[in-house]
Amino acid sequence: MSTPAENPHPIPLTESEVLIRGFLAANPALDAELGPIEIMTDRYTNEEWAAQIAQTQKAVLEEVESGERAQKVYEGPKMRNGNEALKELAKTVDHTVLKLDATSAQIDSLCSEARTEDFKSVCVRLNWVQRCATNLKGSSVVVAAVVGFHEGTQDTYSKLREARACVEAGASELDLVLNHSLLTKHNKPVSPKPIRSHDSAIDSITAANTAANSGSIVSSDDEEIPDYSAIYRELASIRSLCPSPVVIKLILETSQLSAEQILAASHLAAAANLDFIKTSTGFNGPGASLPNVQLMVGAAEYLHRTGISKRQMAVKASGGVRSLEDAVKMLEAGATRLGTSSGLWIMQQAREKVEQAGSGKGGDKPGMTRLYTDDSEGGGY
């Protein structure tokens, strides 16, 4: 391990960094009083990482291109009993408020709503973690805190301080933003190459999103290797500082990455023993897309199957999940967690569907719903 040195050429702080640094300065018990922070050393050379990642990219992209990945449908919560189904759906939701100008009243409402619906978590910035932990005491709802939000470009030492403070303040989950600029630094603009989902409507949307971010796509003749080692050191350092049972979700910001870069980030997250890979912050370009979720689930399965990760990473779909239809698509694609500020609306729609099913409306059998594919009944959403 090595102790971080001061940056001799500091860059202007973002609004997020100003908020976090000010909060830490005002709350030294969450930071300086806990002792020094160390950064992990690397496991492999950058070239060795590149060789390993290339294997992951080849294997998973072959599955995607074959259409096999798009054909896989995951069950989601059991739907035999409407009330149980609603409970299981609620436990996929990270109820979220991440605006810089969020107020204490909004945070209190967030926690009250999460308690009422029994969501999995509330997801907030560091300065609200303690208030949420107090509000949610005695409930099953946990507190998730973002780290390096939303840019991800903060230096590793700053992210480590923030992560440690979040856990000390009461967070049991960390949503960490990848420094995706390290993956895209050497990119050259090229014609967009969308991920194929074998669904024409989805492909059209994906192509449009990709075209809007065409500067983020790697050209085939770009021989520069991204700094995989720096990414791994950051992820491994945060994992070491905040070991299990703290859950760490890596936000990839998929709108800024090509399929190959998504797979590279997934590989490094698995190697660092993180728990989730997550699509988006919701603050930088398009959010979760079905092809990207399918790609990430495929990566998580492959990385576990080949022993890169000790346990299979889960996938969180975040950004643009605003309706029950959105939620169902993401869960059927293999995501197990949803980051959304629309959790109340999603649950309202789900309850209406359960009530319709219970009354026999819409063609469903009494007592059954079809929020998710149910092969045993020969139906689908």
Protein backbone atom coordinates (compact mmCIF):
# COMPACT_ATOMS: atom_id res chain seq x y z
CA MET A 1 0.00 0.00 0.00
CA SER A 2 1.06 3.59 -0.49
CA THR A 3 0.07 6.86 1.17
CA PRO A 4 -1.35 9.43 -1.28
CA ALA A 5 0.63 12.59 -1.96
CA GLU A 6 -0.86 16.06 -2.34
CA ASN A 7 -1.75 17.01 -5.91
CA PRO A 8 0.72 19.78 -6.94
CA HIS A 9 -1.62 20.99 -9.69
CA PRO A 10 -5.13 21.12 -8.27
CA ILE A 11 -8.02 21.67 -10.65
CA PRO A 12 -11.11 23.74 -9.81
CA LEU A 13 -13.54 21.93 -7.54
CA THR A 14 -16.99 20.96 -8.77
CA GLU A 15 -20.10 21.93 -6.81
CA SER A 16 -20.28 18.34 -5.55
CA GLU A 17 -16.70 18.46 -4.28
CA VAL A 18 -17.27 21.79 -2.57
CA LEU A 19 -20.30 20.30 -0.80
CA ILE A 20 -18.43 17.19 0.36
CA ARG A 21 -15.28 18.99 1.49
CA GLY A 22 -17.28 21.58 3.37
CA PHE A 23 -19.31 18.88 5.09
CA LEU A 24 -16.20 16.91 6.09
CA ALA A 25 -14.53 20.05 7.43
CA ALA A 26 -17.58 20.72 9.58
CA ASN A 27 -17.76 17.09 10.77
CA PRO A 28 -14.21 16.00 11.62
CA ALA A 29 -15.41 12.95 13.56
CA LEU A 30 -16.45 11.44 10.23
CA ASP A 31 -13.05 12.03 8.67
CA ALA A 32 -9.77 13.20 10.18
CA GLU A 33 -10.32 11.60 13.58
CA LEU A 34 -10.49 8.13 12.01
CA GLY A 35 -6.83 8.07 11.04
CA PRO A 36 -4.81 7.89 7.80
CA ILE A 37 -5.99 6.38 4.52
CA GLU A 38 -3.88 4.15 2.29
CA ILE A 39 -4.21 3.33 -1.39
CA MET A 40 -3.81 -0.25 -2.59
CA THR A 41 -1.06 -1.30 -4.98
CA ASP A 42 -1.90 -3.03 -8.26
CA ARG A 43 -2.19 -6.76 -8.95
CA TYR A 44 -1.12 -6.73 -12.61
CA THR A 45 0.59 -4.52 -15.14
CA ASN A 46 -1.61 -2.47 -17.44
CA GLU A 47 -0.77 -4.82 -20.31
CA GLU A 48 -1.80 -7.84 -18.23
CA TRP A 49 -5.11 -6.18 -17.38
CA ALA A 50 -5.64 -5.43 -21.07
CA ALA A 51 -5.09 -9.07 -22.02
CA GLN A 52 -7.55 -10.32 -19.40
CA ILE A 53 -10.15 -7.72 -20.32
CA ALA A 54 -9.85 -8.57 -24.01
CA GLN A 55 -10.91 -12.14 -23.22
CA THR A 56 -13.96 -10.90 -21.32
CA GLN A 57 -14.88 -8.54 -24.15
CA LYS A 58 -14.60 -11.26 -26.79
CA ALA A 59 -16.64 -13.85 -24.88
CA VAL A 60 -19.49 -11.59 -23.78
CA LEU A 61 -19.80 -9.70 -27.08
CA GLU A 62 -20.01 -12.98 -28.96
CA GLU A 63 -22.97 -13.93 -26.80
CA VAL A 64 -24.59 -10.53 -27.40
CA GLU A 65 -24.07 -10.62 -31.17
CA SER A 66 -25.46 -14.15 -31.40
CA GLY A 67 -28.76 -12.95 -29.93
CA GLU A 68 -28.49 -15.38 -27.02
CA ARG A 69 -28.26 -12.62 -24.43
CA ALA A 70 -31.39 -10.81 -25.62
CA GLN A 71 -33.39 -14.05 -25.48
CA LYS A 72 -32.70 -14.59 -21.78
CA VAL A 73 -35.58 -13.52 -19.55
CA TYR A 74 -35.21 -13.40 -15.78
CA GLU A 75 -38.12 -14.17 -13.52
CA GLY A 76 -38.12 -11.32 -11.05
CA PRO A 77 -40.37 -11.48 -7.98
CA LYS A 78 -42.77 -14.43 -7.75
CA MET A 79 -46.18 -13.29 -8.84
CA ARG A 80 -48.46 -16.03 -7.47
CA ASN A 81 -49.56 -13.84 -4.59
CA GLY A 82 -50.20 -10.20 -5.37
CA ASN A 83 -49.22 -8.82 -1.96
CA GLU A 84 -46.00 -10.85 -1.87
CA ALA A 85 -45.20 -9.70 -5.39
CA LEU A 86 -45.58 -6.07 -4.34
CA LYS A 87 -43.28 -6.62 -1.38
CA GLU A 88 -40.64 -8.19 -3.58
CA LEU A 89 -40.93 -5.41 -6.15
CA ALA A 90 -40.54 -2.77 -3.42
CA LYS A 91 -37.32 -4.42 -2.27
CA THR A 92 -35.76 -3.80 -5.69
CA VAL A 93 -36.13 -0.03 -5.30
CA ASP A 94 -33.45 2.39 -4.14
CA HIS A 95 -35.60 5.46 -3.43
CA THR A 96 -33.48 8.37 -4.53
CA VAL A 97 -32.95 12.11 -4.04
CA LEU A 98 -29.55 13.36 -5.21
CA LYS A 99 -30.13 16.99 -6.12
CA LEU A 100 -27.51 19.34 -4.70
CA ASP A 101 -30.25 21.64 -3.44
CA ALA A 102 -32.28 18.93 -1.69
CA THR A 103 -33.89 20.18 1.51
CA SER A 104 -34.32 18.53 4.89
CA ALA A 105 -38.07 18.38 4.25
CA GLN A 106 -37.49 16.48 1.00
CA ILE A 107 -35.15 14.06 2.75
CA ASP A 108 -37.66 13.47 5.54
CA SER A 109 -40.36 12.80 2.95
CA LEU A 110 -38.03 10.41 1.12
CA CYS A 111 -37.50 8.40 4.29
CA SER A 112 -41.19 8.43 5.20
CA GLU A 113 -42.12 7.16 1.74
CA ALA A 114 -39.45 4.46 1.88
CA ARG A 115 -40.74 3.30 5.28
CA THR A 116 -44.32 3.18 4.00
CA GLU A 117 -43.46 1.23 0.85
CA ASP A 118 -40.68 -0.78 2.54
CA PHE A 119 -38.20 -0.01 -0.23
CA LYS A 120 -34.73 -1.54 -0.13
CA SER A 121 -32.96 1.75 0.51
CA VAL A 122 -32.91 5.49 0.29
CA CYS A 123 -30.02 6.82 -1.76
CA VAL A 124 -28.64 10.26 -0.85
CA ARG A 125 -25.48 12.33 -0.68
CA LEU A 126 -23.13 12.23 2.31
CA ASN A 127 -24.55 15.32 3.98
CA TRP A 128 -27.94 13.59 4.43
CA VAL A 129 -26.78 10.12 5.52
CA GLN A 130 -27.01 10.71 9.28
CA ARG A 131 -30.48 12.24 9.01
CA CYS A 132 -31.69 9.28 6.94
CA ALA A 133 -30.15 6.75 9.34
CA THR A 134 -32.01 8.41 12.23
CA ASN A 135 -35.28 8.63 10.31
CA LEU A 136 -35.13 4.97 9.26
CA LYS A 137 -34.06 3.50 12.58
CA GLY A 138 -36.12 0.41 13.38
CA SER A 139 -37.16 -0.18 9.76
CA SER A 140 -35.76 -2.63 7.20
CA VAL A 141 -34.85 0.23 4.84
CA VAL A 142 -31.11 0.82 4.61
CA VAL A 143 -29.19 3.96 3.70
CA ALA A 144 -27.18 4.08 0.47
CA ALA A 145 -24.81 6.96 -0.18
CA VAL A 146 -23.23 8.12 -3.42
CA VAL A 147 -19.45 8.55 -3.61
CA GLY A 148 -17.67 10.65 -6.22
CA PHE A 149 -21.03 11.86 -7.47
CA HIS A 150 -21.77 12.64 -10.14
CA GLU A 151 -18.63 13.31 -12.15
CA GLY A 152 -16.50 10.41 -10.91
CA THR A 153 -13.33 12.35 -11.68
CA GLN A 154 -12.44 13.19 -8.09
CA ASP A 155 -9.05 11.89 -7.03
CA THR A 156 -8.90 8.52 -5.30
CA TYR A 157 -7.94 9.96 -1.93
CA SER A 158 -11.04 12.20 -1.92
CA LYS A 159 -13.27 9.27 -2.81
CA LEU A 160 -11.74 7.21 -0.01
CA ARG A 161 -12.39 9.94 2.54
CA GLU A 162 -15.96 10.31 1.32
CA ALA A 163 -16.62 6.56 1.33
CA ARG A 164 -15.30 6.14 4.86
CA ALA A 165 -17.34 9.08 6.10
CA CYS A 166 -20.51 7.70 4.50
CA VAL A 167 -20.11 4.38 6.32
CA GLU A 168 -19.25 6.09 9.60
CA ALA A 169 -22.37 8.25 9.23
CA GLY A 170 -24.60 5.20 8.85
CA ALA A 171 -24.60 4.11 5.20
CA SER A 172 -24.54 0.37 4.58
CA GLU A 173 -24.36 0.72 0.80
CA LEU A 174 -22.13 2.90 -1.38
CA ASP A 175 -22.93 3.89 -4.97
CA LEU A 176 -19.47 4.75 -6.29
CA VAL A 177 -19.00 6.64 -9.56
CA LEU A 178 -16.37 5.18 -11.87
CA ASN A 179 -13.75 7.60 -13.17
CA HIS A 180 -14.94 6.82 -16.68
CA SER A 181 -12.65 9.49 -18.14
CA LEU A 182 -9.78 7.03 -17.65
CA LEU A 183 -11.52 4.68 -20.08
CA THR A 184 -12.40 7.35 -22.64
CA LYS A 185 -9.24 9.49 -22.46
CA HIS A 186 -7.68 8.11 -25.65
CA ASN A 187 -10.90 7.74 -27.64
CA LYS A 188 -11.18 8.99 -31.20
CA PRO A 189 -14.55 10.00 -32.67
CA VAL A 190 -15.87 7.33 -35.01
CA SER A 191 -19.19 6.26 -36.45
CA PRO A 192 -21.45 4.94 -33.70
CA LYS A 193 -21.63 1.18 -33.21
CA PRO A 194 -24.76 0.46 -31.16
CA ILE A 195 -25.23 -2.67 -29.11
CA ARG A 196 -27.58 -5.00 -30.95
CA SER A 197 -30.54 -6.18 -28.93
CA HIS A 198 -32.40 -7.92 -31.78
CA ASP A 199 -35.32 -5.58 -31.13
CA SER A 200 -35.71 -2.96 -33.86
CA ALA A 201 -37.34 -0.32 -31.64
CA ILE A 202 -34.71 -0.70 -28.94
CA ASP A 203 -31.93 -0.65 -31.51
CA SER A 204 -33.22 2.61 -32.95
CA ILE A 205 -33.23 4.26 -29.53
CA THR A 206 -29.80 2.84 -28.70
CA ALA A 207 -28.38 4.04 -32.01
CA ALA A 208 -29.68 7.54 -31.37
CA ASN A 209 -28.21 7.59 -27.86
CA THR A 210 -24.90 6.26 -29.13
CA ALA A 211 -24.75 8.83 -31.91
CA ALA A 212 -25.23 11.57 -29.34
CA ASN A 213 -22.17 10.27 -27.55
CA SER A 214 -20.13 9.19 -30.57
CA GLY A 215 -17.01 10.83 -29.18
CA SER A 216 -17.00 8.17 -26.48
CA ILE A 217 -16.58 5.24 -28.85
CA VAL A 218 -13.21 3.58 -29.22
CA SER A 219 -11.84 3.32 -32.75
CA SER A 220 -10.44 0.01 -33.87
CA ASP A 221 -7.02 1.44 -34.63
CA ASP A 222 -6.61 3.15 -31.26
CA GLU A 223 -3.61 1.41 -29.74
CA GLU A 224 -3.59 3.37 -26.51
CA ILE A 225 -4.40 1.24 -23.46
CA PRO A 226 -6.61 2.93 -20.84
CA ASP A 227 -5.14 3.18 -17.36
CA TYR A 228 -6.79 0.01 -16.08
CA SER A 229 -4.33 -0.12 -13.20
CA ALA A 230 -5.46 3.25 -11.84
CA ILE A 231 -9.09 2.18 -12.01
CA TYR A 232 -8.39 -1.10 -10.23
CA ARG A 233 -6.32 0.59 -7.49
CA GLU A 234 -9.18 2.97 -6.75
CA LEU A 235 -11.82 0.25 -6.63
CA ALA A 236 -9.67 -2.14 -4.59
CA SER A 237 -8.73 0.63 -2.15
CA ILE A 238 -12.36 1.52 -1.48
CA ARG A 239 -13.26 -2.16 -1.11
CA SER A 240 -10.40 -2.61 1.39
CA LEU A 241 -11.42 0.47 3.36
CA CYS A 242 -15.12 -0.49 3.33
CA PRO A 243 -15.21 -4.31 3.48
CA SER A 244 -18.29 -6.53 3.39
CA PRO A 245 -21.03 -6.35 4.64
CA VAL A 246 -20.89 -2.84 3.15
CA VAL A 247 -22.37 -3.17 -0.34
CA ILE A 248 -20.50 -1.32 -3.09
CA LYS A 249 -22.16 -0.55 -6.43
CA LEU A 250 -19.98 0.82 -9.23
CA ILE A 251 -21.76 3.39 -11.41
CA LEU A 252 -20.35 2.96 -14.92
CA GLU A 253 -22.12 5.91 -16.62
CA THR A 254 -22.93 3.74 -19.62
CA SER A 255 -24.05 6.66 -21.80
CA GLN A 256 -20.40 7.71 -22.00
CA LEU A 257 -18.97 4.27 -22.77
CA SER A 258 -18.84 1.80 -25.63
CA ALA A 259 -19.80 -1.83 -25.10
CA GLU A 260 -16.11 -2.72 -24.85
CA GLN A 261 -15.54 -0.09 -22.18
CA ILE A 262 -18.58 -1.24 -20.20
CA LEU A 263 -17.09 -4.73 -20.19
CA ALA A 264 -13.67 -3.43 -19.17
CA ALA A 265 -15.17 -1.59 -16.20
CA SER A 266 -17.22 -4.64 -15.26
CA HIS A 267 -14.09 -6.82 -15.33
CA LEU A 268 -12.21 -4.46 -13.01
CA ALA A 269 -15.19 -4.21 -10.65
CA ALA A 270 -15.32 -8.00 -10.42
CA ALA A 271 -11.58 -8.22 -9.78
CA ALA A 272 -11.94 -5.69 -6.96
CA ASN A 273 -14.72 -7.82 -5.41
CA LEU A 274 -17.47 -5.21 -5.72
CA ASP A 275 -21.10 -6.23 -5.26
CA PHE A 276 -22.95 -4.44 -8.07
CA ILE A 277 -22.37 -2.77 -11.39
CA LYS A 278 -24.81 0.07 -12.01
CA THR A 279 -25.73 1.79 -15.27
CA SER A 280 -25.91 5.51 -14.62
CA THR A 281 -25.93 8.50 -12.33
CA GLY A 282 -28.95 9.94 -14.12
CA PHE A 283 -27.06 13.26 -14.39
CA ASN A 284 -24.93 12.64 -17.48
CA GLY A 285 -26.62 11.58 -20.71
CA PRO A 286 -29.19 8.81 -21.22
CA GLY A 287 -29.77 6.49 -18.29
CA ALA A 288 -30.38 2.75 -18.22
CA SER A 289 -31.06 1.03 -21.54
CA LEU A 290 -32.18 -2.53 -22.06
CA PRO A 291 -29.16 -3.51 -24.22
CA ASN A 292 -26.71 -2.15 -21.65
CA VAL A 293 -28.43 -3.96 -18.79
CA GLN A 294 -28.37 -7.19 -20.81
CA LEU A 295 -24.68 -6.63 -21.54
CA MET A 296 -23.84 -6.01 -17.88
CA VAL A 297 -25.78 -9.05 -16.69
CA GLY A 298 -23.94 -11.15 -19.26
CA ALA A 299 -20.64 -9.75 -18.03
CA ALA A 300 -21.49 -10.48 -14.39
CA GLU A 301 -22.40 -14.07 -15.20
CA TYR A 302 -19.27 -14.63 -17.29
CA LEU A 303 -16.93 -13.05 -14.73
CA HIS A 304 -18.32 -15.26 -11.99
CA ARG A 305 -18.30 -18.37 -14.15
CA THR A 306 -14.64 -17.86 -15.02
CA GLY A 307 -13.59 -17.11 -11.44
CA ILE A 308 -12.78 -13.41 -11.86
CA SER A 309 -15.34 -12.63 -9.16
CA LYS A 310 -15.78 -14.78 -6.07
CA ARG A 311 -19.52 -14.20 -6.14
CA GLN A 312 -21.62 -12.99 -9.01
CA MET A 313 -22.07 -9.23 -9.13
CA ALA A 314 -25.64 -7.98 -9.33
CA VAL A 315 -26.80 -5.27 -11.74
CA LYS A 316 -28.61 -2.04 -10.84
CA ALA A 317 -30.54 -0.17 -13.51
CA SER A 318 -30.63 3.54 -12.79
CA GLY A 319 -31.54 6.64 -14.73
CA GLY A 320 -34.80 6.96 -16.62
CA VAL A 321 -36.64 4.17 -14.75
CA ARG A 322 -39.91 6.06 -14.32
CA SER A 323 -42.74 3.56 -14.77
CA LEU A 324 -43.77 0.01 -14.00
CA GLU A 325 -43.11 -0.86 -17.64
CA ASP A 326 -39.54 0.45 -17.35
CA ALA A 327 -39.03 -1.46 -14.11
CA VAL A 328 -40.37 -4.71 -15.53
CA LYS A 329 -38.11 -4.51 -18.61
CA MET A 330 -35.03 -3.95 -16.49
CA LEU A 331 -35.85 -6.73 -14.02
CA GLU A 332 -36.67 -9.19 -16.78
CA ALA A 333 -33.31 -8.30 -18.37
CA GLY A 334 -31.62 -9.46 -15.17
CA ALA A 335 -31.26 -6.31 -13.04
CA THR A 336 -32.06 -6.90 -9.37
CA ARG A 337 -32.06 -3.30 -8.15
CA LEU A 338 -33.65 -0.12 -9.54
CA GLY A 339 -32.39 3.37 -8.81
CA THR A 340 -35.30 5.76 -9.25
CA SER A 341 -37.04 8.81 -7.87
CA SER A 342 -40.30 7.40 -9.27
CA GLY A 343 -40.66 4.53 -6.82
CA LEU A 344 -44.05 5.73 -5.53
CA TRP A 345 -45.50 5.90 -9.04
CA ILE A 346 -44.09 2.48 -9.93
CA MET A 347 -45.66 0.94 -6.83
CA GLN A 348 -48.99 2.66 -7.51
CA GLN A 349 -49.04 1.21 -11.02
CA ALA A 350 -48.12 -2.22 -9.66
CA ARG A 351 -50.90 -2.14 -7.07
CA GLU A 352 -53.41 -1.21 -9.76
CA LYS A 353 -52.26 -4.15 -11.84
CA VAL A 354 -52.51 -6.52 -8.89
CA GLU A 355 -56.04 -5.25 -8.13
CA GLN A 356 -57.07 -5.72 -11.77
CA ALA A 357 -55.68 -9.24 -11.75
CA GLY A 358 -57.47 -10.06 -8.52
CA SER A 359 -60.78 -8.95 -9.96
CA GLY A 360 -60.24 -10.93 -13.12
CA LYS A 361 -59.90 -7.85 -15.35
CA GLY A 362 -57.49 -7.77 -18.24
CA GLY A 363 -57.64 -11.50 -18.89
CA ASP A 364 -55.54 -12.59 -15.91
CA LYS A 365 -56.69 -15.35 -13.59
CA PRO A 366 -58.04 -14.22 -10.20
CA GLY A 367 -55.22 -13.84 -7.70
CA MET A 368 -52.51 -13.73 -10.39
CA THR A 369 -50.59 -10.92 -12.02
CA ARG A 370 -48.26 -10.85 -14.95
CA LEU A 371 -45.90 -8.05 -14.10
CA TYR A 372 -43.19 -10.49 -15.10
CA THR A 373 -42.98 -13.28 -17.62
CA ASP A 374 -44.63 -16.42 -16.33
CA ASP A 375 -43.67 -19.30 -18.60
CA SER A 376 -45.72 -21.78 -16.61
CA GLU A 377 -48.87 -19.92 -17.62
CA GLY A 378 -47.69 -19.35 -21.17
CA GLY A 379 -47.99 -15.60 -20.79
CA GLY A 380 -45.86 -12.50 -20.69
CA TYR A 381 -46.08 -8.86 -19.80
